[in-house]
């Protein structure tokens, strides 16, 4: 009996101390990573000058540029003969430029050769471009500016070295395993320790491998590894027998992340597969509608060979990919129409399935991408109005969704019925305090969907409000990073894709956190990288690849790397890729 008491006392002493050590480690890992992520930026460069006959010279700092009279264009010419959005000037892979008239009122010409509407014309340094009554000349940058650009690139601050952060994260994982052994007690199984050890090996192998190939920026991946570690701990606490399955999902996500980064390296290749993605997405959603199984009020699951997954989660990646577009495509109504029709099909499918939460994520992302592609605020207002009417109809005819809305804002009045999950989540969160009760010691795990829809409450209970807040800060940091990256983006394709992915991650996090705490209706969506679920985990890693592809910092991206362009994994790297790498 004395031995049992002593053992219990030692366990409690360890849990009490290690909770704060884990908080300190989490703060170090994430704050160090986020600070480096937001403080190292790509140096903007001038590629050429557009010299106007009145003596002005407009520096060209983007590969894709809109020329016109509007204040929103990249190269503004304040002359009434120039249309608001007159033409495009796009850098080619060999350093030449492509000029395209956008149907301007007074037309364009290059070296007195008329530029027909939507016709792409080659424009070289020294060529004269006439827009309306204004004559311009494309000038090169000077040798001195070229040297300055090179010096500025060499002086760029590199991302923080990952080694100390990786060591801290490994120590975090080891302490977590020990805490889980104590917290789980009789529920502990050896596979919990094995899964954490394998995750640690994957993390070190990833960093060592790509560091050897010349990559230096691993902040995004470290943040994802940290959140995945929390996910593994949450699954181990709530369902230890499922922990290895969650590890496999993390592994699949990492492979998907690397594959997409390499595939996105080639812009032509990325654009080429979009029609196939549309066909595959439509097919998988149709199959889901016909053969899907009902879970938690929504028919959004497919089961093949004993493996369940959510097609709507997978289609998220295609949705972003299809919505992204290069600058010349933004002015083609056909491309925007295709995206709107595809979006309408996705939203209608989700409405039929009864998956209101995922539908709202798609819709918000659709609004952002549509605005980035068209800039039409009035069209957005009309779309939002239509969506509100559709939402009212869905709530009216879907009793399951209507019930969730009926309890919103006053769940304590329905504490043992409609508000059961949220009231238990808030109670558990209050019990967690600053540092939590310790992994494996929480009680919220006994509530349905604790490790998925209510995972934020489970993290607060077992890990504390500080680590839970740091998790949210990770997602917010992705938003800030994206806003920094798009200014130096190679193409609007990457910028729109990064914005779309970030919107999905941010809004999904908001729905999960605020839904669990009754600020929003409980919509049944997961917390990216953290919630239990293979499809959600893999897709979260896949979305991260869009941000990585937009990362133009020195030696930071798998998609753009100065030092490894001759030994990169992709043996078929194109000439266009090399220009992008040099950028």
Protein backbone atom coordinates (compact mmCIF):
# COMPACT_ATOMS: atom_id res chain seq x y z
CA UNK A 1 0.00 0.00 0.00
CA UNK A 2 2.87 2.33 0.88
CA UNK A 3 4.50 1.62 -2.50
CA UNK A 4 1.30 2.56 -4.29
CA UNK A 5 1.06 5.84 -2.38
CA UNK A 6 4.73 6.64 -3.08
CA UNK A 7 4.31 5.81 -6.77
CA UNK A 8 1.22 8.01 -6.96
CA UNK A 9 3.04 10.87 -5.24
CA UNK A 10 5.97 10.64 -7.66
CA UNK A 11 3.57 10.61 -10.61
CA UNK A 12 1.75 13.68 -9.33
CA UNK A 13 5.03 15.46 -8.66
CA UNK A 14 6.23 14.73 -12.21
CA UNK A 15 2.93 15.86 -13.77
CA UNK A 16 2.90 19.07 -11.74
CA UNK A 17 6.43 19.99 -12.77
CA UNK A 18 6.43 18.80 -16.36
CA UNK A 19 3.26 20.71 -17.26
CA UNK A 20 5.12 24.01 -16.92
CA UNK A 21 8.22 22.65 -18.62
CA UNK A 22 6.03 21.70 -21.60
CA UNK A 23 4.53 25.19 -21.63
CA UNK A 24 8.00 26.76 -21.70
CA UNK A 25 9.18 24.42 -24.45
CA UNK A 26 6.05 25.08 -26.53
CA UNK A 27 6.56 28.82 -26.14
CA UNK A 28 10.20 28.56 -27.21
CA UNK A 29 9.46 26.32 -30.21
CA UNK A 30 6.58 28.34 -31.61
CA UNK A 31 7.65 31.88 -30.80
CA UNK A 32 11.13 31.22 -32.22
CA UNK A 33 9.63 29.73 -35.39
CA UNK A 34 6.96 32.39 -35.84
CA UNK A 35 9.42 35.22 -35.24
CA UNK A 36 11.78 33.86 -37.91
CA UNK A 37 8.88 33.21 -40.28
CA UNK A 38 7.64 36.77 -40.12
CA UNK A 39 10.98 38.60 -39.88
CA UNK A 40 12.75 37.07 -42.91
CA UNK A 41 11.30 38.35 -46.18
CA UNK A 42 12.23 38.13 -49.84
CA UNK A 43 14.02 41.23 -51.12
CA UNK A 44 11.94 42.94 -53.84
CA UNK A 45 13.84 43.37 -57.11
CA UNK A 46 13.45 45.61 -60.14
CA UNK A 47 13.33 43.55 -63.33
CA UNK A 48 13.08 46.42 -65.84
CA UNK A 49 11.68 49.94 -66.28
CA UNK A 50 8.76 51.22 -68.32
CA UNK A 51 9.98 54.62 -69.53
CA UNK A 52 7.13 57.00 -70.44
CA UNK A 53 7.60 59.74 -73.02
CA UNK A 54 6.95 62.46 -70.42
CA UNK A 55 10.16 61.43 -68.66
CA UNK A 56 8.73 59.20 -65.93
CA UNK A 57 10.23 55.72 -65.41
CA UNK A 58 8.08 53.11 -63.71
CA UNK A 59 10.06 50.31 -62.01
CA UNK A 60 8.75 46.82 -62.84
CA UNK A 61 9.00 44.74 -59.66
CA UNK A 62 6.66 41.83 -60.53
CA UNK A 63 6.70 39.10 -63.11
CA UNK A 64 3.04 39.77 -63.87
CA UNK A 65 1.89 43.37 -64.20
CA UNK A 66 -1.31 45.21 -65.09
CA UNK A 67 -0.82 48.52 -66.92
CA UNK A 68 -3.53 51.17 -66.89
CA UNK A 69 -4.98 54.37 -65.47
CA UNK A 70 -6.61 52.82 -62.41
CA UNK A 71 -5.03 53.32 -58.99
CA UNK A 72 -5.13 49.56 -58.42
CA UNK A 73 -2.85 48.56 -61.32
CA UNK A 74 0.85 47.68 -61.01
CA UNK A 75 2.10 50.22 -63.58
CA UNK A 76 -0.05 53.35 -63.54
CA UNK A 77 -0.10 55.81 -66.45
CA UNK A 78 -2.20 58.91 -65.68
CA UNK A 79 -3.46 59.69 -69.15
CA UNK A 80 -7.11 59.72 -70.27
CA UNK A 81 -6.29 57.88 -73.49
CA UNK A 82 -5.14 54.89 -71.42
CA UNK A 83 -7.90 52.57 -70.17
CA UNK A 84 -8.28 51.80 -66.48
CA UNK A 85 -7.02 48.24 -67.05
CA UNK A 86 -5.32 48.66 -70.40
CA UNK A 87 -2.92 45.72 -70.82
CA UNK A 88 -0.72 43.06 -69.24
CA UNK A 89 3.06 42.83 -69.20
CA UNK A 90 4.33 39.42 -68.11
CA UNK A 91 7.95 38.30 -67.76
CA UNK A 92 8.86 35.28 -69.85
CA UNK A 93 11.15 32.44 -68.79
CA UNK A 94 14.05 33.65 -70.97
CA UNK A 95 13.91 37.22 -69.65
CA UNK A 96 11.77 38.58 -72.49
CA UNK A 97 8.28 39.91 -71.89
CA UNK A 98 4.78 39.11 -73.12
CA UNK A 99 2.39 42.00 -73.84
CA UNK A 100 -1.38 41.50 -74.03
CA UNK A 101 -4.04 44.13 -74.68
CA UNK A 102 -7.15 43.74 -72.49
CA UNK A 103 -9.62 45.19 -74.96
CA UNK A 104 -8.63 48.79 -74.28
CA UNK A 105 -10.67 51.65 -75.75
CA UNK A 106 -7.85 53.22 -77.73
CA UNK A 107 -5.79 50.12 -78.46
CA UNK A 108 -2.09 49.28 -78.24
CA UNK A 109 0.87 48.62 -80.50
CA UNK A 110 4.44 47.37 -80.20
CA UNK A 111 6.93 48.94 -82.60
CA UNK A 112 3.92 50.22 -84.62
CA UNK A 113 2.50 46.67 -84.91
CA UNK A 114 -1.08 46.67 -83.66
CA UNK A 115 -1.76 44.53 -80.61
CA UNK A 116 -5.10 42.78 -81.04
CA UNK A 117 -7.32 42.12 -78.04
CA UNK A 118 -6.27 39.02 -76.04
CA UNK A 119 -3.35 38.40 -78.41
CA UNK A 120 -0.03 37.67 -76.72
CA UNK A 121 2.84 39.57 -78.34
CA UNK A 122 6.55 39.24 -77.65
CA UNK A 123 8.06 42.40 -76.18
CA UNK A 124 11.81 42.76 -75.80
CA UNK A 125 14.01 45.31 -74.06
CA UNK A 126 14.12 48.47 -76.15
CA UNK A 127 10.74 47.93 -77.83
CA UNK A 128 8.36 50.85 -78.05
CA UNK A 129 4.89 50.25 -76.60
CA UNK A 130 2.10 52.65 -77.49
CA UNK A 131 -1.04 52.68 -75.34
CA UNK A 132 -3.67 55.13 -76.50
CA UNK A 133 -1.69 58.29 -77.26
CA UNK A 134 1.12 57.49 -74.81
CA UNK A 135 4.43 56.05 -76.02
CA UNK A 136 6.54 53.97 -73.65
CA UNK A 137 9.82 52.08 -73.94
CA UNK A 138 10.87 48.97 -72.07
CA UNK A 139 14.27 49.73 -70.49
CA UNK A 140 16.69 47.26 -68.83
CA UNK A 141 18.09 47.79 -65.37
CA UNK A 142 21.67 49.04 -65.22
CA UNK A 143 24.71 46.86 -64.46
CA UNK A 144 25.03 48.65 -61.15
CA UNK A 145 21.43 47.75 -60.26
CA UNK A 146 22.11 44.15 -61.23
CA UNK A 147 25.08 44.10 -58.85
CA UNK A 148 23.00 45.75 -56.14
CA UNK A 149 20.26 43.13 -56.59
CA UNK A 150 22.82 40.36 -56.23
CA UNK A 151 24.35 41.96 -53.15
CA UNK A 152 20.92 42.47 -51.60
CA UNK A 153 20.10 38.78 -52.16
CA UNK A 154 23.36 37.77 -50.51
CA UNK A 155 22.63 40.08 -47.57
CA UNK A 156 19.13 38.68 -47.07
CA UNK A 157 18.63 37.37 -43.56
CA UNK A 158 18.34 33.61 -43.68
CA UNK A 159 15.65 31.80 -41.65
CA UNK A 160 16.62 30.73 -38.15
CA UNK A 161 18.67 27.53 -37.83
CA UNK A 162 16.28 24.65 -37.06
CA UNK A 163 18.56 22.54 -34.84
CA UNK A 164 17.85 24.08 -31.42
CA UNK A 165 14.13 24.16 -32.17
CA UNK A 166 14.13 20.53 -33.33
CA UNK A 167 16.00 19.46 -30.19
CA UNK A 168 13.46 21.35 -28.05
CA UNK A 169 10.57 19.73 -29.94
CA UNK A 170 12.15 16.27 -29.49
CA UNK A 171 12.48 16.92 -25.74
CA UNK A 172 8.83 18.07 -25.75
CA UNK A 173 7.82 14.77 -27.39
CA UNK A 174 9.84 12.67 -24.91
CA UNK A 175 8.30 14.43 -21.91
CA UNK A 176 4.86 13.98 -23.49
CA UNK A 177 5.37 10.22 -23.81
CA UNK A 178 6.40 9.94 -20.14
CA UNK A 179 3.37 12.00 -19.11
CA UNK A 180 1.08 9.80 -21.23
CA UNK A 181 2.49 6.65 -19.59
CA UNK A 182 1.60 8.16 -16.21
CA UNK A 183 -1.72 9.69 -17.25
CA UNK A 184 -3.08 6.70 -19.17
CA UNK A 185 -2.25 4.17 -16.46
CA UNK A 186 -3.90 0.86 -17.35
CA UNK A 187 -4.99 2.26 -20.73
CA UNK A 188 -1.38 2.75 -21.88
CA UNK A 189 -0.18 0.56 -24.76
CA UNK A 190 3.42 0.38 -26.10
CA UNK A 191 2.27 1.63 -29.51
CA UNK A 192 1.87 5.10 -27.99
CA UNK A 193 5.62 5.35 -27.32
CA UNK A 194 6.46 3.72 -30.65
CA UNK A 195 4.31 6.22 -32.56
CA UNK A 196 5.97 9.21 -30.92
CA UNK A 197 9.42 7.75 -31.57
CA UNK A 198 8.59 7.23 -35.27
CA UNK A 199 7.24 10.78 -35.55
CA UNK A 200 10.48 12.07 -34.03
CA UNK A 201 12.52 10.05 -36.56
CA UNK A 202 10.41 11.36 -39.46
CA UNK A 203 10.93 14.93 -38.27
CA UNK A 204 14.72 14.57 -37.98
CA UNK A 205 14.98 12.70 -41.28
CA UNK A 206 12.96 15.42 -43.03
CA UNK A 207 15.09 18.27 -41.69
CA UNK A 208 18.41 16.47 -42.25
CA UNK A 209 17.42 15.43 -45.78
CA UNK A 210 16.26 18.79 -47.08
CA UNK A 211 18.96 20.63 -45.17
CA UNK A 212 21.49 18.53 -47.10
CA UNK A 213 19.79 19.61 -50.33
CA UNK A 214 20.21 23.28 -49.39
CA UNK A 215 16.92 24.22 -47.74
CA UNK A 216 17.20 26.53 -44.76
CA UNK A 217 13.65 27.58 -43.85
CA UNK A 218 11.72 24.98 -41.87
CA UNK A 219 9.47 27.20 -39.76
CA UNK A 220 6.22 26.13 -41.44
CA UNK A 221 7.10 22.45 -41.12
CA UNK A 222 8.21 22.80 -37.48
CA UNK A 223 4.90 24.42 -36.59
CA UNK A 224 3.06 21.60 -38.37
CA UNK A 225 5.20 18.98 -36.58
CA UNK A 226 4.37 20.61 -33.24
CA UNK A 227 0.63 20.63 -33.94
CA UNK A 228 0.85 17.02 -35.18
CA UNK A 229 2.57 16.08 -31.89
CA UNK A 230 -0.36 17.57 -29.96
CA UNK A 231 -2.71 15.63 -32.23
CA UNK A 232 -0.90 12.36 -31.51
CA UNK A 233 -1.10 13.08 -27.77
CA UNK A 234 -4.82 13.88 -27.96
CA UNK A 235 -5.53 10.63 -29.82
CA UNK A 236 -3.35 8.67 -27.38
CA UNK A 237 -5.32 10.17 -24.48
CA UNK A 238 -8.79 9.57 -25.94
CA UNK A 239 -8.28 6.40 -28.02
CA UNK A 240 -4.81 4.82 -27.54
CA UNK A 241 -5.59 2.02 -29.96
CA UNK A 242 -5.95 4.59 -32.77
CA UNK A 243 -2.64 6.38 -32.22
CA UNK A 244 -0.67 4.43 -34.86
CA UNK A 245 -3.40 5.07 -37.41
CA UNK A 246 -3.09 8.80 -36.72
CA UNK A 247 0.68 8.52 -37.16
CA UNK A 248 0.12 6.95 -40.59
CA UNK A 249 -2.13 9.91 -41.48
CA UNK A 250 0.65 12.32 -40.47
CA UNK A 251 3.11 10.37 -42.63
CA UNK A 252 0.76 10.44 -45.62
CA UNK A 253 0.31 14.18 -45.09
CA UNK A 254 4.06 14.81 -45.10
CA UNK A 255 4.52 12.79 -48.30
CA UNK A 256 1.63 14.70 -49.89
CA UNK A 257 3.18 17.99 -48.76
CA UNK A 258 6.56 17.21 -50.33
CA UNK A 259 4.98 15.89 -53.54
CA UNK A 260 2.79 18.96 -53.98
CA UNK A 261 5.71 21.33 -53.31
CA UNK A 262 7.76 19.64 -56.02
CA UNK A 263 4.82 19.47 -58.43
CA UNK A 264 3.92 23.13 -57.91
CA UNK A 265 7.47 24.11 -58.82
CA UNK A 266 6.51 24.05 -62.49
CA UNK A 267 3.73 26.58 -63.15
CA UNK A 268 2.80 25.15 -66.56
CA UNK A 269 2.46 21.69 -65.08
CA UNK A 270 0.36 23.02 -62.20
CA UNK A 271 -2.01 24.75 -64.63
CA UNK A 272 -2.16 21.75 -66.98
CA UNK A 273 -3.73 19.35 -64.50
CA UNK A 274 -6.59 21.63 -63.42
CA UNK A 275 -9.13 20.15 -65.87
CA UNK A 276 -8.29 16.69 -64.55
CA UNK A 277 -8.75 17.91 -60.98
CA UNK A 278 -12.20 19.25 -61.86
CA UNK A 279 -13.24 15.90 -63.33
CA UNK A 280 -11.84 13.91 -60.39
CA UNK A 281 -13.43 16.25 -57.84
CA UNK A 282 -16.86 16.06 -59.47
CA UNK A 283 -16.57 12.27 -59.71
CA UNK A 284 -15.60 11.79 -56.06
CA UNK A 285 -18.38 14.06 -54.82
CA UNK A 286 -20.95 12.23 -56.97
CA UNK A 287 -19.73 8.89 -55.59
CA UNK A 288 -20.04 10.34 -52.08
CA UNK A 289 -23.62 11.44 -52.79
CA UNK A 290 -24.56 7.98 -54.05
CA UNK A 291 -22.60 5.70 -51.73
CA UNK A 292 -21.78 7.92 -48.74
CA UNK A 293 -22.54 6.86 -45.19
CA UNK A 294 -24.30 8.94 -42.53
CA UNK A 295 -22.21 10.12 -39.55
CA UNK A 296 -23.11 12.88 -37.10
CA UNK A 297 -26.02 14.03 -39.26
CA UNK A 298 -24.08 14.40 -42.55
CA UNK A 299 -23.60 11.99 -45.44
CA UNK A 300 -19.98 12.98 -45.99
CA UNK A 301 -18.07 9.73 -45.48
CA UNK A 302 -17.00 6.96 -47.85
CA UNK A 303 -15.82 3.54 -46.74
CA UNK A 304 -13.58 1.44 -48.97
CA UNK A 305 -11.98 -1.76 -47.72
CA UNK A 306 -12.69 -0.89 -44.11
CA UNK A 307 -11.05 2.55 -44.44
CA UNK A 308 -13.28 5.60 -43.96
CA UNK A 309 -12.44 9.02 -45.37
CA UNK A 310 -14.13 12.32 -46.23
CA UNK A 311 -14.11 13.17 -49.97
CA UNK A 312 -15.09 16.78 -49.23
CA UNK A 313 -11.81 17.18 -47.30
CA UNK A 314 -9.75 15.90 -50.23
CA UNK A 315 -11.60 18.15 -52.68
CA UNK A 316 -10.47 21.18 -50.62
CA UNK A 317 -7.01 20.88 -52.19
CA UNK A 318 -8.47 20.71 -55.70
CA UNK A 319 -10.79 23.63 -54.92
CA UNK A 320 -7.82 25.88 -54.11
CA UNK A 321 -5.78 24.57 -57.05
CA UNK A 322 -8.62 25.18 -59.51
CA UNK A 323 -9.38 28.62 -58.06
CA UNK A 324 -5.79 29.85 -58.44
CA UNK A 325 -4.98 31.60 -61.72
CA UNK A 326 -2.19 33.47 -63.45
CA UNK A 327 -2.68 37.17 -64.17
CA UNK A 328 -3.68 36.72 -67.82
CA UNK A 329 -6.35 34.19 -66.78
CA UNK A 330 -7.90 36.67 -64.36
CA UNK A 331 -9.13 38.72 -67.31
CA UNK A 332 -10.68 35.75 -69.11
CA UNK A 333 -14.36 35.43 -68.18
CA UNK A 334 -14.34 31.79 -69.25
CA UNK A 335 -11.92 30.83 -66.48
CA UNK A 336 -13.88 32.67 -63.81
CA UNK A 337 -17.12 31.09 -65.06
CA UNK A 338 -15.62 27.59 -64.85
CA UNK A 339 -14.51 28.22 -61.27
CA UNK A 340 -17.93 29.62 -60.29
CA UNK A 341 -19.78 26.65 -61.80
CA UNK A 342 -17.40 24.21 -60.09
CA UNK A 343 -17.83 26.06 -56.78
CA UNK A 344 -21.60 25.96 -57.16
CA UNK A 345 -21.49 22.20 -57.70
CA UNK A 346 -19.30 21.69 -54.62
CA UNK A 347 -21.57 23.81 -52.42
CA UNK A 348 -24.72 22.12 -53.72
CA UNK A 349 -23.19 18.69 -53.05
CA UNK A 350 -22.29 19.66 -49.50
CA UNK A 351 -25.78 21.06 -48.92
CA UNK A 352 -27.31 17.75 -50.03
CA UNK A 353 -24.91 15.87 -47.76
CA UNK A 354 -25.95 18.09 -44.84
CA UNK A 355 -22.35 19.15 -44.13
CA UNK A 356 -23.04 22.76 -43.19
CA UNK A 357 -19.64 23.37 -41.57
CA UNK A 358 -17.57 22.31 -44.57
CA UNK A 359 -19.93 24.14 -46.92
CA UNK A 360 -19.36 27.39 -45.02
CA UNK A 361 -15.57 26.91 -45.29
CA UNK A 362 -15.87 26.38 -49.05
CA UNK A 363 -18.11 29.40 -49.40
CA UNK A 364 -15.83 31.80 -47.52
CA UNK A 365 -12.86 30.57 -49.55
CA UNK A 366 -14.88 30.97 -52.75
CA UNK A 367 -15.66 34.59 -51.82
CA UNK A 368 -12.00 35.40 -51.25
CA UNK A 369 -10.76 33.71 -54.41
CA UNK A 370 -13.53 35.31 -56.48
CA UNK A 371 -12.64 38.73 -55.15
CA UNK A 372 -8.93 38.18 -55.83
CA UNK A 373 -9.76 37.06 -59.35
CA UNK A 374 -12.31 39.74 -60.23
CA UNK A 375 -12.07 42.54 -57.67
CA UNK A 376 -15.83 42.97 -58.06
CA UNK A 377 -17.31 43.95 -54.68
CA UNK A 378 -20.89 44.20 -56.02
CA UNK A 379 -20.74 40.62 -57.29
CA UNK A 380 -19.55 39.50 -53.86
CA UNK A 381 -22.43 41.32 -52.17
CA UNK A 382 -24.92 39.60 -54.49
CA UNK A 383 -23.30 36.22 -53.82
CA UNK A 384 -23.43 36.74 -50.06
CA UNK A 385 -27.11 37.70 -50.28
CA UNK A 386 -27.89 34.55 -52.22
CA UNK A 387 -25.93 32.46 -49.75
CA UNK A 388 -27.90 33.86 -46.81
CA UNK A 389 -31.17 32.87 -48.49
CA UNK A 390 -29.77 29.41 -49.26
CA UNK A 391 -28.57 29.08 -45.65
CA UNK A 392 -32.03 29.92 -44.34
CA UNK A 393 -33.53 27.24 -46.59
CA UNK A 394 -30.93 24.68 -45.47
CA UNK A 395 -31.65 25.42 -41.80
CA UNK A 396 -35.38 25.22 -42.49
CA UNK A 397 -35.25 21.83 -44.21
CA UNK A 398 -32.33 20.20 -42.33
CA UNK A 399 -33.56 19.56 -38.74
CA UNK A 400 -30.10 18.43 -37.56
CA UNK A 401 -28.55 21.78 -38.54
CA UNK A 402 -31.55 23.73 -37.24
CA UNK A 403 -31.15 22.07 -33.82
CA UNK A 404 -27.56 23.27 -33.56
CA UNK A 405 -28.61 26.82 -34.37
CA UNK A 406 -31.50 26.73 -31.92
CA UNK A 407 -29.11 26.12 -28.99
CA UNK A 408 -26.51 28.64 -30.12
CA UNK A 409 -25.80 31.35 -27.55
CA UNK A 410 -27.62 29.71 -24.66
CA UNK A 411 -26.36 26.13 -24.46
CA UNK A 412 -26.57 26.13 -20.66
CA UNK A 413 -30.35 26.10 -21.00
CA UNK A 414 -29.97 22.78 -22.82
CA UNK A 415 -27.05 21.43 -20.76
CA UNK A 416 -28.30 17.84 -20.89
CA UNK A 417 -29.58 17.85 -24.47
CA UNK A 418 -28.61 20.10 -27.38
CA UNK A 419 -25.92 21.90 -25.37
CA UNK A 420 -24.42 18.80 -23.81
CA UNK A 421 -21.14 18.85 -25.77
CA UNK A 422 -20.44 22.56 -25.46
CA UNK A 423 -21.26 22.83 -21.76
CA UNK A 424 -18.94 19.91 -20.99
CA UNK A 425 -16.26 21.48 -23.17
CA UNK A 426 -16.44 24.80 -21.36
CA UNK A 427 -16.39 23.07 -17.98
CA UNK A 428 -13.35 21.03 -18.96
CA UNK A 429 -11.61 24.14 -20.30
CA UNK A 430 -12.15 25.91 -16.99
CA UNK A 431 -10.63 22.93 -15.15
CA UNK A 432 -7.52 23.04 -17.34
CA UNK A 433 -6.29 26.42 -16.19
CA UNK A 434 -3.01 27.83 -17.50
CA UNK A 435 -0.95 24.62 -17.73
CA UNK A 436 -3.63 21.92 -17.94
CA UNK A 437 -4.16 18.73 -15.94
CA UNK A 438 -1.55 16.77 -17.89
CA UNK A 439 -1.86 14.60 -21.02
CA UNK A 440 -4.10 11.61 -20.31
CA UNK A 441 -5.66 13.14 -17.17
CA UNK A 442 -8.63 14.89 -18.75
CA UNK A 443 -12.29 13.84 -18.57
CA UNK A 444 -13.63 15.50 -21.72
CA UNK A 445 -12.45 12.46 -23.69
CA UNK A 446 -15.59 10.66 -22.52
CA UNK A 447 -17.77 13.12 -24.47
CA UNK A 448 -18.59 12.30 -28.11
CA UNK A 449 -16.36 14.07 -30.69
CA UNK A 450 -14.00 15.29 -27.94
CA UNK A 451 -10.92 14.67 -30.09
CA UNK A 452 -12.43 16.10 -33.28
CA UNK A 453 -15.07 18.84 -33.10
CA UNK A 454 -14.32 19.66 -29.44
CA UNK A 455 -10.56 19.17 -29.59
CA UNK A 456 -9.78 22.75 -28.53
CA UNK A 457 -11.52 22.13 -25.20
CA UNK A 458 -9.63 18.86 -24.75
CA UNK A 459 -6.32 20.64 -25.39
CA UNK A 460 -7.17 23.36 -22.85
CA UNK A 461 -8.14 20.74 -20.26
CA UNK A 462 -5.05 18.55 -20.62
CA UNK A 463 -2.43 21.03 -21.90
CA UNK A 464 -3.68 24.37 -20.59
CA UNK A 465 -4.88 27.62 -22.11
CA UNK A 466 -1.31 28.80 -22.87
CA UNK A 467 -0.49 25.93 -25.22
CA UNK A 468 -4.02 26.09 -26.70
CA UNK A 469 -3.51 29.81 -27.41
CA UNK A 470 -0.11 29.06 -28.98
CA UNK A 471 -1.86 26.57 -31.30
CA UNK A 472 -4.22 29.28 -32.48
CA UNK A 473 -1.28 31.67 -32.82
CA UNK A 474 0.33 29.19 -35.23
CA UNK A 475 -2.65 29.44 -37.57
CA UNK A 476 -2.75 33.25 -37.26
CA UNK A 477 0.98 33.33 -38.10
CA UNK A 478 0.19 31.56 -41.38
CA UNK A 479 -2.13 34.45 -42.27
CA UNK A 480 0.54 37.05 -41.51
CA UNK A 481 3.15 35.06 -43.43
CA UNK A 482 0.88 34.81 -46.46
CA UNK A 483 0.23 38.56 -46.48
CA UNK A 484 4.01 39.12 -46.49
CA UNK A 485 4.75 36.51 -49.15
CA UNK A 486 2.24 37.56 -51.80
CA UNK A 487 4.00 40.92 -52.25
CA UNK A 488 7.04 39.14 -53.70
CA UNK A 489 5.18 36.26 -55.37
CA UNK A 490 6.34 34.89 -58.71
CA UNK A 491 2.81 34.64 -60.02
CA UNK A 492 -0.73 35.44 -58.96
CA UNK A 493 -1.31 31.67 -59.21
CA UNK A 494 0.82 31.07 -56.13
CA UNK A 495 -0.49 34.17 -54.35
CA UNK A 496 -4.16 33.22 -54.83
CA UNK A 497 -3.47 29.60 -53.88
CA UNK A 498 -1.69 30.67 -50.68
CA UNK A 499 -4.52 33.07 -49.79
CA UNK A 500 -7.13 30.39 -50.46
CA UNK A 501 -5.35 27.79 -48.32
CA UNK A 502 -4.82 30.27 -45.49
CA UNK A 503 -8.49 31.28 -45.59
CA UNK A 504 -9.55 27.66 -45.26
CA UNK A 505 -7.19 27.05 -42.34
CA UNK A 506 -8.15 30.26 -40.52
CA UNK A 507 -11.91 29.93 -40.95
CA UNK A 508 -11.84 26.23 -40.09
CA UNK A 509 -9.96 27.04 -36.88
CA UNK A 510 -12.48 29.76 -36.02
CA UNK A 511 -15.43 27.39 -36.51
CA UNK A 512 -13.79 24.71 -34.38
CA UNK A 513 -12.71 26.95 -31.49
CA UNK A 514 -15.71 29.29 -31.38
CA UNK A 515 -18.14 26.42 -32.00
CA UNK A 516 -16.80 24.45 -29.03
CA UNK A 517 -17.11 27.53 -26.79
CA UNK A 518 -20.59 28.54 -28.07
CA UNK A 519 -19.48 31.76 -29.78
CA UNK A 520 -20.51 30.11 -33.09
CA UNK A 521 -22.94 27.25 -33.72
CA UNK A 522 -21.25 23.86 -33.39
CA UNK A 523 -20.69 23.01 -37.06
CA UNK A 524 -18.68 19.81 -36.73
CA UNK A 525 -15.39 20.83 -38.36
CA UNK A 526 -11.89 19.88 -37.27
CA UNK A 527 -8.95 21.93 -35.97
CA UNK A 528 -6.23 21.77 -38.69
CA UNK A 529 -3.32 19.45 -37.81
CA UNK A 530 -4.72 18.74 -34.33
CA UNK A 531 -8.09 16.96 -34.53
CA UNK A 532 -8.25 13.19 -34.77
CA UNK A 533 -8.89 12.10 -38.36
CA UNK A 534 -6.71 10.82 -41.16
CA UNK A 535 -8.26 12.79 -44.01
CA UNK A 536 -8.20 16.06 -42.10
CA UNK A 537 -4.56 15.59 -41.08
CA UNK A 538 -3.33 14.71 -44.58
CA UNK A 539 -5.25 17.59 -46.18
CA UNK A 540 -3.90 20.07 -43.61
CA UNK A 541 -0.34 19.15 -44.63
CA UNK A 542 -1.38 19.40 -48.28
CA UNK A 543 -2.71 22.94 -47.77
CA UNK A 544 0.61 23.91 -46.22
CA UNK A 545 2.29 23.18 -49.57
CA UNK A 546 0.45 26.14 -51.16
CA UNK A 547 2.04 28.45 -48.58
CA UNK A 548 5.43 26.83 -49.11
CA UNK A 549 5.16 27.32 -52.87
CA UNK A 550 4.54 31.05 -52.31
CA UNK A 551 7.57 31.38 -50.02
CA UNK A 552 10.17 33.49 -51.87
CA UNK A 553 12.63 33.84 -48.98
CA UNK A 554 16.26 32.91 -49.50
CA UNK A 555 16.76 29.12 -49.43
CA UNK A 556 13.43 28.68 -47.66
CA UNK A 557 11.17 26.77 -50.04
CA UNK A 558 11.15 23.30 -51.51
CA UNK A 559 9.64 24.87 -54.61
CA UNK A 560 12.29 27.60 -54.98
CA UNK A 561 15.85 26.94 -53.90
CA UNK A 562 18.97 28.72 -55.11
CA UNK A 563 21.54 26.19 -54.04
CA UNK A 564 19.99 22.94 -55.13
CA UNK A 565 18.52 23.64 -58.55
CA UNK A 566 20.94 21.22 -60.20
CA UNK A 567 20.36 18.35 -57.75
CA UNK A 568 16.73 18.85 -56.83
CA UNK A 569 14.52 15.79 -56.56
CA UNK A 570 12.63 16.71 -59.73
CA UNK A 571 14.94 15.55 -62.55
CA UNK A 572 12.74 17.12 -65.19
CA UNK A 573 13.10 20.67 -63.89
CA UNK A 574 12.28 23.04 -66.69
CA UNK A 575 13.98 26.20 -67.85
CA UNK A 576 11.09 28.14 -66.37
CA UNK A 577 11.81 26.55 -63.00
CA UNK A 578 15.41 27.69 -63.14
CA UNK A 579 14.32 31.27 -63.74
CA UNK A 580 12.02 30.93 -60.74
CA UNK A 581 14.86 29.50 -58.67
CA UNK A 582 17.16 32.34 -59.61
CA UNK A 583 14.44 34.78 -58.63
